[in-house]
Protein backbone atom coordinates (compact mmCIF):
# COMPACT_ATOMS: atom_id res chain seq x y z
CA MET A 1 -8.85 -20.46 20.70
CA ARG A 2 -7.80 -17.10 19.24
CA ASP A 3 -4.07 -16.75 18.55
CA THR A 4 -2.82 -13.71 20.50
CA GLY A 5 0.77 -13.93 19.39
CA HIS A 6 2.08 -14.15 22.98
CA ASP A 7 3.77 -17.55 22.68
CA THR A 8 7.50 -17.55 22.91
CA GLY A 9 10.13 -20.24 22.54
CA TRP A 10 9.04 -21.10 18.97
CA GLY A 11 12.49 -20.74 17.50
CA GLU A 12 11.04 -21.26 14.05
CA ASP A 13 12.66 -20.09 10.84
CA ARG A 14 10.32 -18.34 8.37
CA LEU A 15 10.88 -16.90 4.94
CA PHE A 16 10.62 -13.11 5.13
CA TYR A 17 11.10 -11.28 1.81
CA GLY A 18 13.91 -13.68 0.79
CA TYR A 19 15.58 -13.72 4.20
CA ARG A 20 15.63 -16.46 6.84
CA LEU A 21 13.90 -14.98 9.85
CA ARG A 22 14.25 -16.77 13.18
CA SER A 23 11.34 -15.81 15.41
CA ASP A 24 10.18 -16.69 18.84
CA ILE A 25 6.74 -15.28 17.88
CA ALA A 26 4.22 -17.20 15.76
CA LEU A 27 4.06 -15.91 12.17
CA PRO A 28 1.71 -18.23 10.35
CA SER A 29 1.40 -16.09 7.20
CA LEU A 30 5.11 -16.68 6.38
CA PRO A 31 6.46 -19.94 4.79
CA LEU A 32 8.07 -22.24 7.26
CA LEU A 33 11.75 -23.17 6.58
CA THR A 34 12.49 -26.75 7.75
CA ASP A 35 16.06 -27.06 6.55
CA ALA A 36 19.03 -26.06 8.70
CA GLY A 37 20.67 -22.76 8.24
CA ALA A 38 21.90 -19.65 10.05
CA PRO A 39 19.27 -16.81 10.26
CA ASP A 40 19.65 -13.64 8.33
CA LEU A 41 17.24 -11.85 10.74
CA THR A 42 15.90 -12.43 14.21
CA LEU A 43 12.63 -11.43 15.87
CA ARG A 44 12.16 -11.67 19.61
CA ARG A 45 10.31 -10.08 22.43
CA GLY A 46 12.29 -7.80 24.72
CA PRO A 47 12.50 -4.34 26.33
CA VAL A 48 11.78 -1.47 23.92
CA PRO A 49 12.11 2.13 25.11
CA ASP A 50 9.43 4.78 24.59
CA CYS A 51 12.00 6.98 22.82
CA LEU A 52 15.62 6.95 21.73
CA PRO A 53 18.20 9.12 23.46
CA GLU A 54 19.06 12.12 21.28
CA PRO A 55 17.69 10.75 17.95
CA SER A 56 19.16 12.11 14.72
CA TRP A 57 15.63 12.23 13.21
CA SER A 58 12.15 11.70 14.48
CA SER A 59 8.54 11.74 13.26
CA PRO A 60 5.28 10.86 15.10
CA PHE A 61 5.87 7.20 14.36
CA VAL A 62 9.61 6.66 13.87
CA GLU A 63 12.84 7.67 15.54
CA ILE A 64 16.34 7.06 14.16
CA GLY A 65 19.36 7.05 16.36
CA THR A 66 22.87 8.25 15.44
CA ASP A 67 23.95 4.64 14.95
CA GLY A 68 21.08 3.83 12.57
CA THR A 69 18.93 2.14 15.16
CA LEU A 70 15.24 2.60 14.37
CA LEU A 71 12.31 2.78 16.82
CA ALA A 72 8.86 2.28 15.32
CA ARG A 73 5.79 3.15 17.37
CA ILE A 74 2.32 2.17 16.23
CA GLY A 75 -0.05 3.93 18.45
CA ASP A 76 -0.38 2.32 21.87
CA THR A 77 -0.35 -1.15 20.33
CA LEU A 78 3.18 -1.90 19.28
CA LYS A 79 6.78 -0.78 19.48
CA PHE A 80 9.69 -2.27 17.58
CA ILE A 81 13.44 -1.69 17.76
CA ILE A 82 15.25 -2.52 14.50
CA GLN A 83 19.02 -2.64 14.46
CA ASN A 84 21.71 -3.33 11.80
CA GLY A 85 19.21 -4.65 9.25
CA ARG A 86 19.01 -7.95 11.17
CA ASP A 87 17.76 -7.69 14.71
CA ILE A 88 14.04 -6.87 15.47
CA VAL A 89 12.79 -6.62 18.99
CA LEU A 90 9.01 -6.38 19.75
CA ASP A 91 8.06 -4.73 22.97
CA GLN A 92 7.74 -7.42 25.59
CA HIS A 93 4.62 -5.79 27.05
CA SER A 94 2.67 -5.76 23.80
CA ARG A 95 -0.55 -7.77 23.85
CA ALA A 96 -1.30 -7.31 20.19
CA GLU A 97 -2.68 -10.30 18.31
CA THR A 98 -0.67 -12.17 15.73
CA SER A 99 -2.57 -10.56 12.83
CA VAL A 100 -1.68 -7.10 14.07
CA ILE A 101 1.95 -8.01 14.55
CA GLU A 102 2.12 -9.42 11.01
CA THR A 103 0.37 -6.33 9.56
CA PHE A 104 3.12 -4.04 10.76
CA LEU A 105 5.94 -6.56 10.36
CA PHE A 106 5.00 -6.74 6.61
CA SER A 107 4.89 -2.91 6.27
CA VAL A 108 6.96 -0.39 8.29
CA VAL A 109 9.28 -3.03 9.85
CA ALA A 110 9.99 -4.75 6.54
CA GLY A 111 10.56 -1.37 4.86
CA SER A 112 12.98 -0.32 7.61
CA ILE A 113 14.89 -3.61 7.45
CA LEU A 114 15.28 -3.40 3.66
CA HIS A 115 16.52 0.17 3.77
CA GLN A 116 18.99 -0.68 6.57
CA ARG A 117 20.29 -3.54 4.40
CA GLY A 118 20.70 -1.35 1.34
CA MET A 119 17.93 -3.03 -0.66
CA LEU A 120 15.75 -1.18 -3.19
CA ALA A 121 12.16 -1.48 -1.88
CA LEU A 122 9.57 -0.29 -4.35
CA HIS A 123 6.17 0.89 -3.15
CA ALA A 124 4.53 -1.58 -5.45
CA SER A 125 2.52 -4.76 -5.83
CA CYS A 126 3.80 -7.33 -8.22
CA VAL A 127 2.04 -10.02 -10.30
CA MET A 128 3.07 -12.72 -12.74
CA ILE A 129 1.82 -12.31 -16.27
CA GLY A 130 2.70 -15.62 -17.80
CA ASP A 131 6.38 -16.08 -16.84
CA LYS A 132 6.96 -12.38 -16.52
CA ALA A 133 6.85 -10.31 -13.31
CA ILE A 134 5.27 -6.87 -13.58
CA ALA A 135 5.41 -4.40 -10.71
CA LEU A 136 2.51 -1.94 -10.13
CA ALA A 137 3.90 1.13 -8.32
CA GLY A 138 2.34 4.21 -6.81
CA VAL A 139 1.57 6.08 -3.63
CA SER A 140 -1.19 4.83 -1.31
CA GLY A 141 -4.65 5.09 -2.84
CA ARG A 142 -3.65 4.65 -6.46
CA GLY A 143 -5.14 1.11 -6.59
CA LYS A 144 -2.05 -1.13 -6.66
CA SER A 145 -3.47 -3.77 -4.38
CA THR A 146 -6.96 -3.55 -5.96
CA LEU A 147 -5.48 -4.23 -9.42
CA ALA A 148 -3.20 -6.99 -8.05
CA GLY A 149 -6.27 -8.55 -6.45
CA ALA A 150 -8.22 -8.34 -9.71
CA LEU A 151 -5.36 -10.02 -11.60
CA SER A 152 -5.07 -12.67 -8.92
CA MET A 153 -8.77 -13.47 -9.34
CA GLN A 154 -8.05 -13.91 -13.09
CA GLY A 155 -5.38 -16.53 -12.38
CA HIS A 156 -2.21 -14.41 -12.09
CA ALA A 157 0.03 -15.15 -9.05
CA VAL A 158 0.79 -12.23 -6.72
CA VAL A 159 4.51 -12.06 -6.03
CA THR A 160 4.20 -9.35 -3.34
CA ASP A 161 1.94 -6.56 -2.24
CA ASP A 162 2.75 -3.01 -1.23
CA ILE A 163 6.46 -3.67 -0.63
CA CYS A 164 8.40 -4.94 -3.63
CA PRO A 165 12.07 -5.68 -2.85
CA ILE A 166 14.45 -5.59 -5.89
CA THR A 167 17.87 -7.18 -6.09
CA PHE A 168 20.30 -6.95 -9.00
CA ARG A 169 22.13 -9.92 -10.47
CA GLU A 170 24.31 -9.35 -13.51
CA ASN A 171 22.05 -7.72 -16.11
CA ALA A 172 18.69 -8.47 -14.45
CA ALA A 173 16.48 -6.91 -11.84
CA LEU A 174 14.84 -9.60 -9.65
CA VAL A 175 11.71 -9.34 -7.39
CA ILE A 176 11.92 -10.99 -3.99
CA PRO A 177 8.52 -12.58 -3.21
CA GLY A 178 6.66 -11.40 -0.15
CA PRO A 179 3.69 -12.81 1.83
CA ALA A 180 0.89 -14.19 -0.29
CA ARG A 181 -1.76 -11.69 0.70
CA VAL A 182 -3.32 -8.44 -0.52
CA ARG A 183 -4.75 -5.75 1.75
CA LEU A 184 -7.96 -4.17 0.50
CA TRP A 185 -10.12 -1.22 1.44
CA PRO A 186 -13.91 -1.97 1.64
CA ASP A 187 -14.65 -0.21 -1.69
CA ALA A 188 -11.85 -2.22 -3.33
CA ALA A 189 -13.22 -5.50 -1.97
CA GLN A 190 -16.65 -4.52 -3.29
CA MET A 191 -15.24 -3.81 -6.72
CA LEU A 192 -13.79 -7.32 -6.76
CA GLY A 193 -17.09 -8.81 -5.69
CA LEU A 194 -15.78 -9.83 -2.31
CA SER A 195 -17.64 -9.72 1.02
CA GLN A 196 -15.79 -8.04 3.89
CA ASP A 197 -17.14 -10.79 6.11
CA HIS A 198 -15.13 -13.44 4.19
CA LEU A 199 -11.81 -11.60 4.32
CA ALA A 200 -9.34 -11.82 7.17
CA ILE A 201 -8.91 -8.96 9.70
CA GLY A 202 -5.42 -7.43 9.83
CA ARG A 203 -6.10 -4.84 12.53
CA PRO A 204 -9.17 -4.69 14.74
CA GLN A 205 -11.38 -1.63 14.09
CA HIS A 206 -9.49 -0.92 10.85
CA PRO A 207 -11.47 -1.10 7.59
CA LYS A 208 -8.71 -2.73 5.55
CA ARG A 209 -9.04 -6.50 5.21
CA ILE A 210 -6.75 -9.26 3.93
CA LEU A 211 -7.30 -11.35 0.82
CA ALA A 212 -5.21 -14.55 0.73
CA VAL A 213 -3.90 -15.05 -2.75
CA ALA A 214 -2.03 -17.57 -4.82
CA GLY A 215 1.65 -16.85 -4.79
CA PRO A 216 4.50 -18.20 -6.91
CA ASN A 217 7.38 -20.26 -5.49
CA ALA A 218 9.96 -18.49 -3.32
CA THR A 219 12.65 -18.00 -5.97
CA PRO A 220 13.29 -14.42 -7.10
CA LYS A 221 11.38 -13.42 -10.27
CA PRO A 222 12.97 -11.47 -13.06
CA LEU A 223 11.21 -8.15 -13.37
CA ALA A 224 10.01 -7.54 -16.93
CA ALA A 225 8.34 -4.14 -16.48
CA LEU A 226 7.39 -1.49 -13.95
CA ILE A 227 4.01 0.25 -14.35
CA ARG A 228 3.43 3.44 -12.38
CA ILE A 229 -0.22 4.10 -11.58
CA ALA A 230 -1.67 7.61 -11.52
CA ILE A 231 -5.16 9.09 -11.32
CA ASP A 232 -6.61 11.83 -13.54
CA LYS A 233 -10.19 13.12 -12.83
CA ARG A 234 -10.51 14.39 -16.40
CA LEU A 235 -10.20 10.94 -17.99
CA ASN A 236 -13.09 8.71 -18.90
CA GLU A 237 -10.90 5.74 -19.95
CA PRO A 238 -7.50 4.56 -18.66
CA VAL A 239 -4.42 5.14 -20.77
CA LEU A 240 -0.98 3.41 -20.77
CA TYR A 241 2.24 4.84 -22.17
CA ARG A 242 6.01 4.37 -21.95
CA LEU A 243 8.06 6.72 -19.77
CA ASN A 244 11.66 7.70 -20.63
CA GLY A 245 14.48 9.70 -19.05
CA ALA A 246 14.12 11.37 -15.68
CA ALA A 247 10.30 11.16 -15.89
CA ALA A 248 10.57 7.38 -15.52
CA ILE A 249 12.04 7.44 -12.00
CA THR A 250 10.81 10.76 -10.55
CA PRO A 251 9.41 11.75 -8.13
CA ILE A 252 11.21 9.00 -6.17
CA GLU A 253 8.64 9.27 -3.45
CA GLU A 254 6.00 7.80 -5.88
CA ILE A 255 8.12 4.73 -6.58
CA VAL A 256 10.11 3.86 -3.45
CA TYR A 257 8.53 2.58 -0.20
CA ARG A 258 8.96 5.25 2.48
CA ALA A 259 11.65 7.00 0.51
CA ARG A 260 12.06 9.68 3.11
CA LEU A 261 12.84 7.05 5.73
CA GLY A 262 15.33 5.45 3.34
CA ARG A 263 17.18 8.74 2.99
CA ARG A 264 17.32 9.24 6.71
CA LEU A 265 18.89 5.75 6.95
CA GLY A 266 21.69 6.77 4.55
CA ARG A 267 20.13 5.69 1.25
CA ARG A 268 19.89 9.13 -0.40
CA ILE A 269 22.43 8.31 -3.17
CA GLY A 270 21.73 4.62 -3.11
CA LEU A 271 18.04 5.03 -3.92
CA PHE A 272 18.78 7.19 -6.94
CA THR A 273 21.52 5.02 -8.35
CA ASP A 274 19.40 1.91 -7.88
CA LEU A 275 16.44 3.47 -9.75
CA VAL A 276 18.75 4.56 -12.61
CA ARG A 277 20.04 1.03 -12.80
CA LEU A 278 16.47 -0.33 -12.74
CA ALA A 279 15.41 1.99 -15.54
CA GLY A 280 18.27 0.75 -17.65
CA LEU A 281 17.13 -2.89 -17.24
CA VAL A 282 13.36 -2.78 -17.46
CA PRO A 283 10.84 -0.68 -19.35
CA ILE A 284 8.81 1.77 -17.19
CA PHE A 285 5.23 2.70 -18.07
CA GLN A 286 2.61 5.14 -16.80
CA LEU A 287 -0.95 3.79 -16.33
CA VAL A 288 -3.31 6.71 -15.76
CA ARG A 289 -6.84 5.79 -14.67
CA PRO A 290 -9.97 7.79 -14.06
CA GLU A 291 -11.03 8.43 -10.49
CA GLY A 292 -13.15 5.60 -9.04
CA ASP A 293 -12.80 2.02 -10.13
CA GLY A 294 -11.37 2.98 -13.52
CA ASN A 295 -12.85 -0.13 -15.10
CA LEU A 296 -10.88 -2.95 -13.48
CA PRO A 297 -11.23 -5.43 -16.46
CA ARG A 298 -9.82 -2.73 -18.77
CA LEU A 299 -6.95 -1.97 -16.33
CA ALA A 300 -6.08 -5.67 -16.14
CA ASP A 301 -6.10 -5.84 -19.94
CA LEU A 302 -3.70 -2.92 -20.17
CA VAL A 303 -1.27 -4.58 -17.75
CA ARG A 304 -1.34 -7.71 -19.84
CA SER A 305 -0.89 -5.70 -23.01
CA VAL A 306 2.63 -4.70 -21.94
CA PHE A 307 3.85 -8.07 -23.03
CA PRO A 308 1.23 -9.54 -25.39
CA ARG A 309 1.21 -13.24 -26.02
CA PRO A 310 2.88 -14.35 -29.26
CA GLY A 311 0.54 -15.26 -32.10
């Protein structure tokens, strides 16, 4: 029987970007927590309005109330209310399948929650190179997930894809692991030698598919480097070089997940200060690739070259 995500009364705790999420909706892609503990976040079905009264900011997909409440609308399929960085309500009338709920829970909802909680959320995928975590950042279409998928197929664990939460402890920046999956466009799957028919569907009638990948354990991973990915049509071969100063963390929109949304949720100064702190703790590189596949084996080698193995 196909799972439609309509079941309630689950009351299960799942691990959601480092937080304990208590959900009455089935979320099979998230690790189950069996130990006792108070939830950091809750997800339930309930009434969700079509719009907020007198929003302080709105876009075609998101409205923000004067108290920071966020309404996310995804077409005619889903509506979420997100409050206080901890309470998520899914429209009780939604008939979306579990895979669709998870797709948006792991994107716009997760990004909104992290911004509300004052976390730095990079627009990046992250992989383990040996015992070092390396984030691959860039706007949509730069090839973050494709490169993470290629590295995964070479034996490197994927820490998170698309949203890369960062927390700071003493003199270290740590990556919070996300769901062990990578979303791929059809051309990216083809570059990796994968058949679309053997990849999971995230959204019906949407070309992106889901590749289940090997992830590390749930403990935060020290971030050793951030690599920003760009495209240059004039290049024949990819190049990698170190960034310094303001160039390392600007434009912010190319590094932070939905930076505009974060600013509207009161993170204008926080985003900048967090990125300055990050740049002081880890080296930041630019990886510029040609248009097209950019030679995935070569790109993977360049990522590994950031921290070459001794000897």
